Amino acid sequence: MKQRQKIILAITGASGSLYAVEFLRLMAELQVEVHGIISKAGRQVLQLELGLTPEQLTDCQWFAADNFAAPMASGSSLYLGMAVLPCTMGTLAAIANGNSNNLIHRAADVCLKERRRLVLAVRETPFNRIHLENMLRADGAGAIICPAMPAFYHRPSTIVDLARDYAMRVAILLGLEVPAMQRWQGLDA
């Protein structure tokens, strides 16, 4: 029997909780097991933006951000990869500099050391030089920097369509197959 693929989802305090919610919905459809971590600020933003608590997002097994005994704190646990969605500049800085202050940072560090995919959906603008240097540093360590910038060429009808399309892009960057993803076919001549 084939074991379900597992990924880690971290939600931090940047704006963009809808991206994480749509990502979880997509993972449920793809039958991918999700282990989640949410920061204190991530909880606040999720409540502010969508009126939700992590416990209401049932397509995920949640781990406390201070639980360094959680499975994702060790490289011996097998995960396909991790998405930090959305990713604050503070989280980016900790990851880029190897500071494991909480389980989000530690799980990202484990992904980097084990050469697993780590997608950082950075979500604050404008970027200052420190932000850009941290992005370069994280990229150099093996992370994929994927700013939460939705695409419009598929003519989305709603904000949920935008978030859904972005969630599909993150899933593909994690190495998952997403049959529903609309691929660019070029312009008709």
N, C-alpha and C. Protein backbone atom coordinates (compact mmCIF):
# COMPACT_ATOMS: atom_id res chain seq x y z
N MET A 1 0.85 -1.19 0.00
CA MET A 1 0.00 0.00 0.00
C MET A 1 0.89 1.25 0.00
N LYS A 2 0.60 2.15 -0.89
CA LYS A 2 1.40 3.37 -1.01
C LYS A 2 1.06 4.34 0.13
N GLN A 3 2.11 4.85 0.77
CA GLN A 3 1.92 5.80 1.87
C GLN A 3 1.60 7.19 1.30
N ARG A 4 0.70 7.91 1.96
CA ARG A 4 0.37 9.27 1.53
C ARG A 4 1.57 10.17 1.64
N GLN A 5 1.68 11.10 0.70
CA GLN A 5 2.74 12.09 0.79
C GLN A 5 2.42 13.03 1.94
N LYS A 6 3.48 13.54 2.60
CA LYS A 6 3.32 14.45 3.73
C LYS A 6 4.10 15.73 3.46
N ILE A 7 3.49 16.84 3.77
CA ILE A 7 4.18 18.13 3.70
C ILE A 7 3.93 18.89 5.00
N ILE A 8 4.76 19.91 5.19
CA ILE A 8 4.63 20.80 6.35
C ILE A 8 4.13 22.14 5.84
N LEU A 9 3.16 22.70 6.52
CA LEU A 9 2.67 24.04 6.23
C LEU A 9 2.87 24.90 7.47
N ALA A 10 3.59 26.00 7.29
CA ALA A 10 3.74 26.97 8.38
C ALA A 10 3.02 28.25 7.97
N ILE A 11 2.27 28.80 8.89
CA ILE A 11 1.56 30.06 8.67
C ILE A 11 2.14 31.08 9.63
N THR A 12 2.66 32.18 9.10
CA THR A 12 3.21 33.23 9.95
C THR A 12 2.32 34.47 9.85
N GLY A 13 2.74 35.55 10.47
CA GLY A 13 1.88 36.70 10.67
C GLY A 13 1.76 37.70 9.54
N ALA A 14 2.27 37.40 8.36
CA ALA A 14 2.08 38.32 7.24
C ALA A 14 0.65 38.21 6.72
N SER A 15 0.19 39.24 6.06
CA SER A 15 -1.13 39.20 5.44
C SER A 15 -1.13 38.13 4.35
N GLY A 16 -2.26 37.45 4.19
CA GLY A 16 -2.37 36.44 3.15
C GLY A 16 -2.84 35.10 3.66
N SER A 17 -3.62 35.08 4.71
CA SER A 17 -4.13 33.82 5.26
C SER A 17 -4.94 33.03 4.25
N LEU A 18 -5.59 33.72 3.33
CA LEU A 18 -6.40 33.04 2.33
C LEU A 18 -5.55 32.09 1.49
N TYR A 19 -4.30 32.46 1.25
CA TYR A 19 -3.41 31.56 0.50
C TYR A 19 -3.26 30.23 1.23
N ALA A 20 -3.05 30.27 2.53
CA ALA A 20 -2.87 29.05 3.32
C ALA A 20 -4.14 28.22 3.34
N VAL A 21 -5.28 28.87 3.47
CA VAL A 21 -6.56 28.15 3.49
C VAL A 21 -6.79 27.44 2.16
N GLU A 22 -6.53 28.12 1.06
CA GLU A 22 -6.70 27.49 -0.26
C GLU A 22 -5.68 26.39 -0.47
N PHE A 23 -4.48 26.56 0.06
CA PHE A 23 -3.47 25.52 -0.04
C PHE A 23 -3.94 24.26 0.71
N LEU A 24 -4.50 24.44 1.89
CA LEU A 24 -5.02 23.28 2.65
C LEU A 24 -6.16 22.59 1.90
N ARG A 25 -7.04 23.36 1.29
CA ARG A 25 -8.13 22.76 0.51
C ARG A 25 -7.57 21.94 -0.65
N LEU A 26 -6.57 22.48 -1.31
CA LEU A 26 -5.94 21.78 -2.42
C LEU A 26 -5.27 20.50 -1.94
N MET A 27 -4.57 20.55 -0.82
CA MET A 27 -3.91 19.36 -0.29
C MET A 27 -4.93 18.27 0.03
N ALA A 28 -6.08 18.66 0.56
CA ALA A 28 -7.14 17.68 0.85
C ALA A 28 -7.61 17.02 -0.44
N GLU A 29 -7.78 17.82 -1.48
CA GLU A 29 -8.20 17.25 -2.77
C GLU A 29 -7.16 16.31 -3.35
N LEU A 30 -5.89 16.64 -3.16
CA LEU A 30 -4.80 15.82 -3.68
C LEU A 30 -4.46 14.66 -2.74
N GLN A 31 -5.14 14.59 -1.61
CA GLN A 31 -4.94 13.56 -0.59
C GLN A 31 -3.50 13.56 -0.07
N VAL A 32 -2.99 14.75 0.18
CA VAL A 32 -1.67 14.93 0.76
C VAL A 32 -1.86 15.24 2.24
N GLU A 33 -1.14 14.55 3.08
CA GLU A 33 -1.21 14.76 4.52
C GLU A 33 -0.43 16.03 4.87
N VAL A 34 -1.05 16.90 5.67
CA VAL A 34 -0.43 18.16 6.04
C VAL A 34 -0.24 18.23 7.54
N HIS A 35 0.99 18.56 7.93
CA HIS A 35 1.30 18.83 9.33
C HIS A 35 1.59 20.32 9.41
N GLY A 36 0.85 21.02 10.27
CA GLY A 36 0.92 22.47 10.31
C GLY A 36 1.48 23.04 11.59
N ILE A 37 2.05 24.23 11.41
CA ILE A 37 2.57 25.03 12.54
C ILE A 37 2.11 26.46 12.26
N ILE A 38 1.60 27.12 13.27
CA ILE A 38 1.19 28.51 13.09
C ILE A 38 1.78 29.35 14.21
N SER A 39 2.33 30.48 13.85
CA SER A 39 2.89 31.38 14.85
C SER A 39 1.76 32.13 15.57
N LYS A 40 2.09 32.75 16.68
CA LYS A 40 1.10 33.55 17.42
C LYS A 40 0.54 34.66 16.52
N ALA A 41 1.42 35.35 15.80
CA ALA A 41 0.96 36.40 14.89
C ALA A 41 0.16 35.81 13.74
N GLY A 42 0.52 34.61 13.30
CA GLY A 42 -0.24 33.93 12.25
C GLY A 42 -1.68 33.67 12.69
N ARG A 43 -1.84 33.26 13.95
CA ARG A 43 -3.19 33.06 14.51
C ARG A 43 -3.99 34.36 14.48
N GLN A 44 -3.31 35.44 14.88
CA GLN A 44 -3.99 36.74 14.92
C GLN A 44 -4.43 37.18 13.53
N VAL A 45 -3.57 37.02 12.56
CA VAL A 45 -3.90 37.45 11.20
C VAL A 45 -4.99 36.57 10.60
N LEU A 46 -4.94 35.27 10.84
CA LEU A 46 -5.98 34.35 10.37
C LEU A 46 -7.34 34.78 10.93
N GLN A 47 -7.38 35.14 12.20
CA GLN A 47 -8.62 35.60 12.82
C GLN A 47 -9.06 36.93 12.23
N LEU A 48 -8.13 37.86 12.09
CA LEU A 48 -8.44 39.19 11.56
C LEU A 48 -8.94 39.13 10.11
N GLU A 49 -8.23 38.39 9.27
CA GLU A 49 -8.56 38.39 7.84
C GLU A 49 -9.75 37.50 7.48
N LEU A 50 -9.87 36.34 8.15
CA LEU A 50 -10.89 35.38 7.74
C LEU A 50 -11.85 34.98 8.85
N GLY A 51 -11.61 35.47 10.09
CA GLY A 51 -12.48 35.10 11.20
C GLY A 51 -12.35 33.63 11.58
N LEU A 52 -11.17 33.04 11.34
CA LEU A 52 -10.96 31.63 11.58
C LEU A 52 -9.87 31.40 12.63
N THR A 53 -9.93 30.22 13.25
CA THR A 53 -8.86 29.75 14.11
C THR A 53 -8.24 28.55 13.39
N PRO A 54 -7.00 28.20 13.73
CA PRO A 54 -6.39 27.03 13.10
C PRO A 54 -7.21 25.76 13.33
N GLU A 55 -7.83 25.65 14.48
CA GLU A 55 -8.62 24.47 14.80
C GLU A 55 -9.80 24.29 13.85
N GLN A 56 -10.23 25.36 13.21
CA GLN A 56 -11.31 25.27 12.22
C GLN A 56 -10.81 24.76 10.87
N LEU A 57 -9.50 24.77 10.69
CA LEU A 57 -8.90 24.26 9.45
C LEU A 57 -8.57 22.80 9.69
N THR A 58 -9.53 21.94 9.40
CA THR A 58 -9.46 20.54 9.82
C THR A 58 -8.66 19.64 8.89
N ASP A 59 -8.21 20.16 7.76
CA ASP A 59 -7.44 19.34 6.83
C ASP A 59 -5.96 19.33 7.19
N CYS A 60 -5.66 19.48 8.47
CA CYS A 60 -4.28 19.64 8.91
C CYS A 60 -4.14 19.14 10.34
N GLN A 61 -3.01 18.50 10.64
CA GLN A 61 -2.68 18.15 12.01
C GLN A 61 -1.75 19.24 12.53
N TRP A 62 -2.18 19.95 13.56
CA TRP A 62 -1.43 21.11 14.05
C TRP A 62 -0.45 20.74 15.16
N PHE A 63 0.70 21.41 15.14
CA PHE A 63 1.73 21.25 16.17
C PHE A 63 2.04 22.63 16.73
N ALA A 64 2.25 22.70 18.03
CA ALA A 64 2.56 23.98 18.68
C ALA A 64 3.92 24.50 18.22
N ALA A 65 4.01 25.80 18.06
CA ALA A 65 5.24 26.43 17.57
C ALA A 65 6.41 26.27 18.54
N ASP A 66 6.13 25.92 19.79
CA ASP A 66 7.22 25.72 20.75
C ASP A 66 7.51 24.23 21.00
N ASN A 67 6.94 23.35 20.18
CA ASN A 67 7.08 21.90 20.36
C ASN A 67 8.26 21.37 19.54
N PHE A 68 9.44 21.42 20.13
CA PHE A 68 10.63 20.94 19.43
C PHE A 68 10.72 19.42 19.41
N ALA A 69 9.74 18.73 19.98
CA ALA A 69 9.68 17.28 19.93
C ALA A 69 8.75 16.80 18.81
N ALA A 70 8.19 17.72 18.04
CA ALA A 70 7.29 17.37 16.93
C ALA A 70 8.08 16.65 15.84
N PRO A 71 7.42 15.84 15.03
CA PRO A 71 8.12 15.07 14.00
C PRO A 71 8.99 15.91 13.05
N MET A 72 8.52 17.07 12.66
CA MET A 72 9.25 17.88 11.68
C MET A 72 10.51 18.53 12.24
N ALA A 73 10.77 18.37 13.52
CA ALA A 73 11.99 18.90 14.13
C ALA A 73 13.20 18.00 13.86
N SER A 74 12.95 16.84 13.27
CA SER A 74 14.03 15.89 13.01
C SER A 74 14.09 15.50 11.53
N GLY A 75 15.28 15.39 11.02
CA GLY A 75 15.47 14.97 9.64
C GLY A 75 15.08 13.52 9.40
N SER A 76 14.94 12.74 10.46
CA SER A 76 14.55 11.34 10.27
C SER A 76 13.06 11.19 9.93
N SER A 77 12.28 12.24 10.14
CA SER A 77 10.87 12.22 9.72
C SER A 77 10.81 12.54 8.24
N LEU A 78 10.03 11.77 7.53
CA LEU A 78 10.01 11.93 6.08
C LEU A 78 8.87 12.85 5.62
N TYR A 79 9.28 14.00 5.13
CA TYR A 79 8.35 14.96 4.54
C TYR A 79 8.85 15.27 3.13
N LEU A 80 7.91 15.49 2.23
CA LEU A 80 8.28 15.89 0.87
C LEU A 80 8.92 17.27 0.89
N GLY A 81 8.39 18.15 1.73
CA GLY A 81 8.92 19.50 1.83
C GLY A 81 8.05 20.34 2.74
N MET A 82 8.27 21.65 2.65
CA MET A 82 7.60 22.58 3.55
C MET A 82 7.29 23.88 2.81
N ALA A 83 6.12 24.43 3.09
CA ALA A 83 5.75 25.76 2.60
C ALA A 83 5.52 26.67 3.79
N VAL A 84 6.12 27.85 3.75
CA VAL A 84 5.83 28.88 4.74
C VAL A 84 4.96 29.88 4.00
N LEU A 85 3.67 29.86 4.35
CA LEU A 85 2.65 30.51 3.54
C LEU A 85 1.61 31.18 4.42
N PRO A 86 1.65 32.48 4.59
CA PRO A 86 2.64 33.44 4.11
C PRO A 86 3.87 33.47 5.04
N CYS A 87 4.93 34.06 4.53
CA CYS A 87 6.20 34.12 5.25
C CYS A 87 6.57 35.57 5.57
N THR A 88 6.64 35.88 6.86
CA THR A 88 7.04 37.23 7.27
C THR A 88 8.54 37.43 7.02
N MET A 89 8.94 38.67 7.02
CA MET A 89 10.37 38.97 6.87
C MET A 89 11.15 38.50 8.09
N GLY A 90 10.52 38.51 9.27
CA GLY A 90 11.18 38.00 10.47
C GLY A 90 11.44 36.50 10.36
N THR A 91 10.47 35.76 9.84
CA THR A 91 10.64 34.32 9.64
C THR A 91 11.71 34.07 8.59
N LEU A 92 11.66 34.82 7.49
CA LEU A 92 12.69 34.70 6.46
C LEU A 92 14.07 34.93 7.07
N ALA A 93 14.21 35.97 7.89
CA ALA A 93 15.50 36.29 8.51
C ALA A 93 15.99 35.15 9.38
N ALA A 94 15.11 34.58 10.19
CA ALA A 94 15.51 33.47 11.05
C ALA A 94 15.95 32.28 10.22
N ILE A 95 15.19 31.94 9.18
CA ILE A 95 15.54 30.80 8.33
C ILE A 95 16.85 31.06 7.60
N ALA A 96 16.98 32.24 7.03
CA ALA A 96 18.18 32.57 6.25
C ALA A 96 19.44 32.55 7.10
N ASN A 97 19.30 32.80 8.38
CA ASN A 97 20.47 32.88 9.25
C ASN A 97 20.60 31.69 10.20
N GLY A 98 19.78 30.66 9.98
CA GLY A 98 19.91 29.44 10.76
C GLY A 98 19.51 29.54 12.20
N ASN A 99 18.64 30.48 12.53
CA ASN A 99 18.18 30.66 13.90
C ASN A 99 16.90 29.86 14.14
N SER A 100 16.98 28.84 14.95
CA SER A 100 15.81 27.99 15.22
C SER A 100 15.14 28.42 16.52
N ASN A 101 14.45 29.55 16.46
CA ASN A 101 13.79 30.10 17.64
C ASN A 101 12.48 29.41 17.96
N ASN A 102 11.88 28.78 16.97
CA ASN A 102 10.61 28.07 17.18
C ASN A 102 10.55 26.90 16.20
N LEU A 103 9.46 26.14 16.24
CA LEU A 103 9.33 24.95 15.40
C LEU A 103 9.27 25.30 13.91
N ILE A 104 8.72 26.45 13.56
CA ILE A 104 8.70 26.86 12.15
C ILE A 104 10.13 26.98 11.64
N HIS A 105 10.96 27.71 12.37
CA HIS A 105 12.35 27.91 11.96
C HIS A 105 13.09 26.57 11.92
N ARG A 106 12.88 25.75 12.96
CA ARG A 106 13.58 24.46 13.04
C ARG A 106 13.18 23.54 11.89
N ALA A 107 11.88 23.46 11.59
CA ALA A 107 11.41 22.60 10.49
C ALA A 107 11.99 23.07 9.16
N ALA A 108 12.07 24.38 8.97
CA ALA A 108 12.67 24.92 7.74
C ALA A 108 14.15 24.56 7.68
N ASP A 109 14.84 24.69 8.81
CA ASP A 109 16.25 24.34 8.87
C ASP A 109 16.45 22.86 8.55
N VAL A 110 15.57 22.01 9.05
CA VAL A 110 15.65 20.58 8.76
C VAL A 110 15.47 20.35 7.26
N CYS A 111 14.51 21.01 6.65
CA CYS A 111 14.31 20.85 5.20
C CYS A 111 15.57 21.25 4.44
N LEU A 112 16.18 22.34 4.83
CA LEU A 112 17.40 22.78 4.14
C LEU A 112 18.54 21.79 4.34
N LYS A 113 18.75 21.33 5.56
CA LYS A 113 19.88 20.42 5.80
C LYS A 113 19.66 19.07 5.15
N GLU A 114 18.41 18.65 5.00
CA GLU A 114 18.09 17.37 4.37
C GLU A 114 17.88 17.50 2.86
N ARG A 115 18.05 18.71 2.36
CA ARG A 115 17.89 19.01 0.92
C ARG A 115 16.46 18.70 0.43
N ARG A 116 15.50 19.04 1.29
CA ARG A 116 14.09 18.92 0.90
C ARG A 116 13.59 20.27 0.43
N ARG A 117 12.53 20.27 -0.29
CA ARG A 117 12.00 21.53 -0.83
C ARG A 117 11.42 22.40 0.28
N LEU A 118 11.78 23.67 0.22
CA LEU A 118 11.29 24.67 1.17
C LEU A 118 10.86 25.88 0.37
N VAL A 119 9.55 26.15 0.36
CA VAL A 119 8.99 27.28 -0.39
C VAL A 119 8.63 28.37 0.61
N LEU A 120 9.24 29.55 0.41
CA LEU A 120 8.98 30.69 1.28
C LEU A 120 8.14 31.71 0.51
N ALA A 121 6.88 31.82 0.88
CA ALA A 121 5.95 32.74 0.22
C ALA A 121 6.03 34.09 0.93
N VAL A 122 7.13 34.80 0.66
CA VAL A 122 7.34 36.08 1.33
C VAL A 122 6.22 37.03 0.96
N ARG A 123 5.78 37.81 1.97
CA ARG A 123 4.56 38.58 1.77
C ARG A 123 4.60 39.92 2.49
N GLU A 124 5.66 40.67 2.32
CA GLU A 124 5.69 42.04 2.82
C GLU A 124 6.39 42.89 1.77
N THR A 125 5.89 44.07 1.53
CA THR A 125 6.54 44.97 0.57
C THR A 125 6.44 46.38 1.10
N PRO A 126 7.32 47.27 0.66
CA PRO A 126 8.43 47.00 -0.24
C PRO A 126 9.55 46.28 0.50
N PHE A 127 10.46 45.69 -0.27
CA PHE A 127 11.62 45.00 0.30
C PHE A 127 12.73 46.01 0.56
N ASN A 128 13.38 45.88 1.70
CA ASN A 128 14.58 46.69 1.92
C ASN A 128 15.80 45.80 1.62
N ARG A 129 16.96 46.37 1.71
CA ARG A 129 18.19 45.63 1.37
C ARG A 129 18.37 44.38 2.24
N ILE A 130 18.03 44.49 3.53
CA ILE A 130 18.16 43.33 4.42
C ILE A 130 17.23 42.21 3.97
N HIS A 131 15.99 42.55 3.60
CA HIS A 131 15.06 41.54 3.11
C HIS A 131 15.63 40.84 1.89
N LEU A 132 16.14 41.63 0.94
CA LEU A 132 16.69 41.08 -0.30
C LEU A 132 17.91 40.20 -0.02
N GLU A 133 18.77 40.65 0.88
CA GLU A 133 19.95 39.84 1.23
C GLU A 133 19.54 38.54 1.91
N ASN A 134 18.51 38.59 2.76
CA ASN A 134 18.03 37.37 3.39
C ASN A 134 17.40 36.43 2.36
N MET A 135 16.72 36.96 1.37
CA MET A 135 16.17 36.12 0.31
C MET A 135 17.30 35.44 -0.45
N LEU A 136 18.35 36.19 -0.78
CA LEU A 136 19.50 35.60 -1.47
C LEU A 136 20.17 34.54 -0.61
N ARG A 137 20.29 34.81 0.67
CA ARG A 137 20.92 33.86 1.58
C ARG A 137 20.09 32.57 1.68
N ALA A 138 18.77 32.71 1.82
CA ALA A 138 17.89 31.53 1.89
C ALA A 138 17.92 30.76 0.57
N ASP A 139 17.91 31.49 -0.54
CA ASP A 139 18.01 30.84 -1.86
C ASP A 139 19.32 30.07 -1.97
N GLY A 140 20.40 30.68 -1.53
CA GLY A 140 21.70 30.03 -1.57
C GLY A 140 21.76 28.76 -0.74
N ALA A 141 20.94 28.70 0.31
CA ALA A 141 20.88 27.51 1.17
C ALA A 141 19.94 26.44 0.60
N GLY A 142 19.20 26.80 -0.45
CA GLY A 142 18.32 25.82 -1.09
C GLY A 142 16.84 26.12 -1.03
N ALA A 143 16.45 27.20 -0.39
CA ALA A 143 15.02 27.55 -0.33
C ALA A 143 14.56 28.10 -1.68
N ILE A 144 13.28 28.00 -1.93
CA ILE A 144 12.65 28.59 -3.10
C ILE A 144 11.91 29.82 -2.63
N ILE A 145 12.29 30.97 -3.14
CA ILE A 145 11.63 32.23 -2.77
C ILE A 145 10.51 32.46 -3.78
N CYS A 146 9.28 32.46 -3.30
CA CYS A 146 8.12 32.60 -4.17
C CYS A 146 7.19 33.65 -3.58
N PRO A 147 7.47 34.93 -3.85
CA PRO A 147 6.61 35.98 -3.28
C PRO A 147 5.14 35.74 -3.63
N ALA A 148 4.28 36.06 -2.70
CA ALA A 148 2.85 35.86 -2.90
C ALA A 148 2.33 36.91 -3.88
N MET A 149 2.59 36.66 -5.14
CA MET A 149 2.17 37.55 -6.23
C MET A 149 1.26 36.76 -7.15
N PRO A 150 -0.03 37.02 -7.11
CA PRO A 150 -0.95 36.25 -7.94
C PRO A 150 -0.80 36.61 -9.43
N ALA A 151 -1.18 35.66 -10.27
CA ALA A 151 -1.17 35.87 -11.72
C ALA A 151 -2.58 36.24 -12.19
N PHE A 152 -2.65 36.98 -13.26
CA PHE A 152 -3.95 37.43 -13.77
C PHE A 152 -4.26 36.95 -15.18
N TYR A 153 -3.32 36.30 -15.84
CA TYR A 153 -3.54 35.91 -17.24
C TYR A 153 -4.56 34.80 -17.41
N HIS A 154 -4.94 34.14 -16.32
CA HIS A 154 -6.00 33.13 -16.40
C HIS A 154 -7.38 33.75 -16.15
N ARG A 155 -7.39 35.06 -15.98
CA ARG A 155 -8.62 35.83 -15.77
C ARG A 155 -9.43 35.32 -14.58
N PRO A 156 -8.86 35.38 -13.40
CA PRO A 156 -9.60 34.94 -12.21
C PRO A 156 -10.82 35.82 -11.98
N SER A 157 -11.89 35.20 -11.51
CA SER A 157 -13.14 35.92 -11.27
C SER A 157 -13.23 36.47 -9.85
N THR A 158 -12.56 35.79 -8.92
CA THR A 158 -12.66 36.17 -7.52
C THR A 158 -11.28 36.16 -6.86
N ILE A 159 -11.23 36.72 -5.66
CA ILE A 159 -9.99 36.69 -4.89
C ILE A 159 -9.64 35.25 -4.51
N VAL A 160 -10.64 34.42 -4.32
CA VAL A 160 -10.40 33.01 -4.01
C VAL A 160 -9.73 32.33 -5.21
N ASP A 161 -10.15 32.67 -6.43
CA ASP A 161 -9.50 32.13 -7.62
C ASP A 161 -8.02 32.50 -7.66
N LEU A 162 -7.71 33.74 -7.29
CA LEU A 162 -6.31 34.18 -7.24
C LEU A 162 -5.52 33.36 -6.22
N ALA A 163 -6.09 33.21 -5.03
CA ALA A 163 -5.41 32.46 -3.96
C ALA A 163 -5.27 30.99 -4.35
N ARG A 164 -6.27 30.45 -4.98
CA ARG A 164 -6.25 29.04 -5.41
C ARG A 164 -5.15 28.80 -6.44
N ASP A 165 -5.03 29.70 -7.41
CA ASP A 165 -4.00 29.57 -8.43
C ASP A 165 -2.61 29.64 -7.80
N TYR A 166 -2.43 30.55 -6.87
CA TYR A 166 -1.14 30.67 -6.19
C TYR A 166 -0.84 29.41 -5.37
N ALA A 167 -1.85 28.88 -4.68
CA ALA A 167 -1.68 27.66 -3.90
C ALA A 167 -1.24 26.50 -4.80
N MET A 168 -1.78 26.45 -6.01
CA MET A 168 -1.37 25.40 -6.96
C MET A 168 0.10 25.56 -7.35
N ARG A 169 0.53 26.80 -7.53
CA ARG A 169 1.94 27.05 -7.87
C ARG A 169 2.86 26.59 -6.74
N VAL A 170 2.47 26.86 -5.51
CA VAL A 170 3.27 26.42 -4.37
C VAL A 170 3.33 24.90 -4.33
N ALA A 171 2.20 24.25 -4.55
CA ALA A 171 2.16 22.78 -4.55
C ALA A 171 3.09 22.20 -5.61
N ILE A 172 3.09 22.79 -6.78
CA ILE A 172 3.98 22.32 -7.85
C ILE A 172 5.44 22.53 -7.46
N LEU A 173 5.75 23.66 -6.85
CA LEU A 173 7.12 23.90 -6.39
C LEU A 173 7.55 22.89 -5.33
N LEU A 174 6.60 22.35 -4.59
CA LEU A 174 6.90 21.32 -3.60
C LEU A 174 7.07 19.94 -4.23
N GLY A 175 6.82 19.86 -5.54
CA GLY A 175 6.99 18.59 -6.24
C GLY A 175 5.73 17.77 -6.35
N LEU A 176 4.58 18.37 -6.07
CA LEU A 176 3.31 17.66 -6.17
C LEU A 176 2.73 17.80 -7.57
N GLU A 177 1.99 16.80 -7.98
CA GLU A 177 1.28 16.86 -9.25
C GLU A 177 -0.08 17.53 -9.02
N VAL A 178 -0.38 18.55 -9.82
CA VAL A 178 -1.63 19.28 -9.66
C VAL A 178 -2.33 19.31 -11.03
N PRO A 179 -3.16 18.30 -11.31
CA PRO A 179 -3.79 18.21 -12.62
C PRO A 179 -4.67 19.41 -12.98
N ALA A 180 -5.27 20.06 -11.98
CA ALA A 180 -6.18 21.18 -12.26
C ALA A 180 -5.46 22.48 -12.63
N MET A 181 -4.15 22.52 -12.48
CA MET A 181 -3.39 23.75 -12.75
C MET A 181 -3.46 24.10 -14.22
N GLN A 182 -3.90 25.33 -14.51
CA GLN A 182 -3.92 25.83 -15.87
C GLN A 182 -2.51 26.25 -16.25
N ARG A 183 -2.01 25.68 -17.31
CA ARG A 183 -0.66 26.00 -17.78
C ARG A 183 -0.72 27.03 -18.90
N TRP A 184 0.26 27.89 -18.90
CA TRP A 184 0.35 28.90 -19.96
C TRP A 184 0.60 28.20 -21.27
N GLN A 185 -0.20 28.51 -22.27
CA GLN A 185 -0.10 27.87 -23.58
C GLN A 185 0.40 28.86 -24.64
N GLY A 186 0.67 30.07 -24.23
CA GLY A 186 1.10 31.09 -25.19
C GLY A 186 -0.10 31.82 -25.76
N LEU A 187 0.19 32.88 -26.48
CA LEU A 187 -0.88 33.65 -27.12
C LEU A 187 -1.18 33.08 -28.49
N ASP A 188 -2.46 33.10 -28.85
CA ASP A 188 -2.82 32.68 -30.22
C ASP A 188 -2.32 33.73 -31.18
N ALA A 189 -1.77 33.28 -32.28
CA ALA A 189 -1.24 34.23 -33.29
C ALA A 189 -2.35 34.82 -34.13
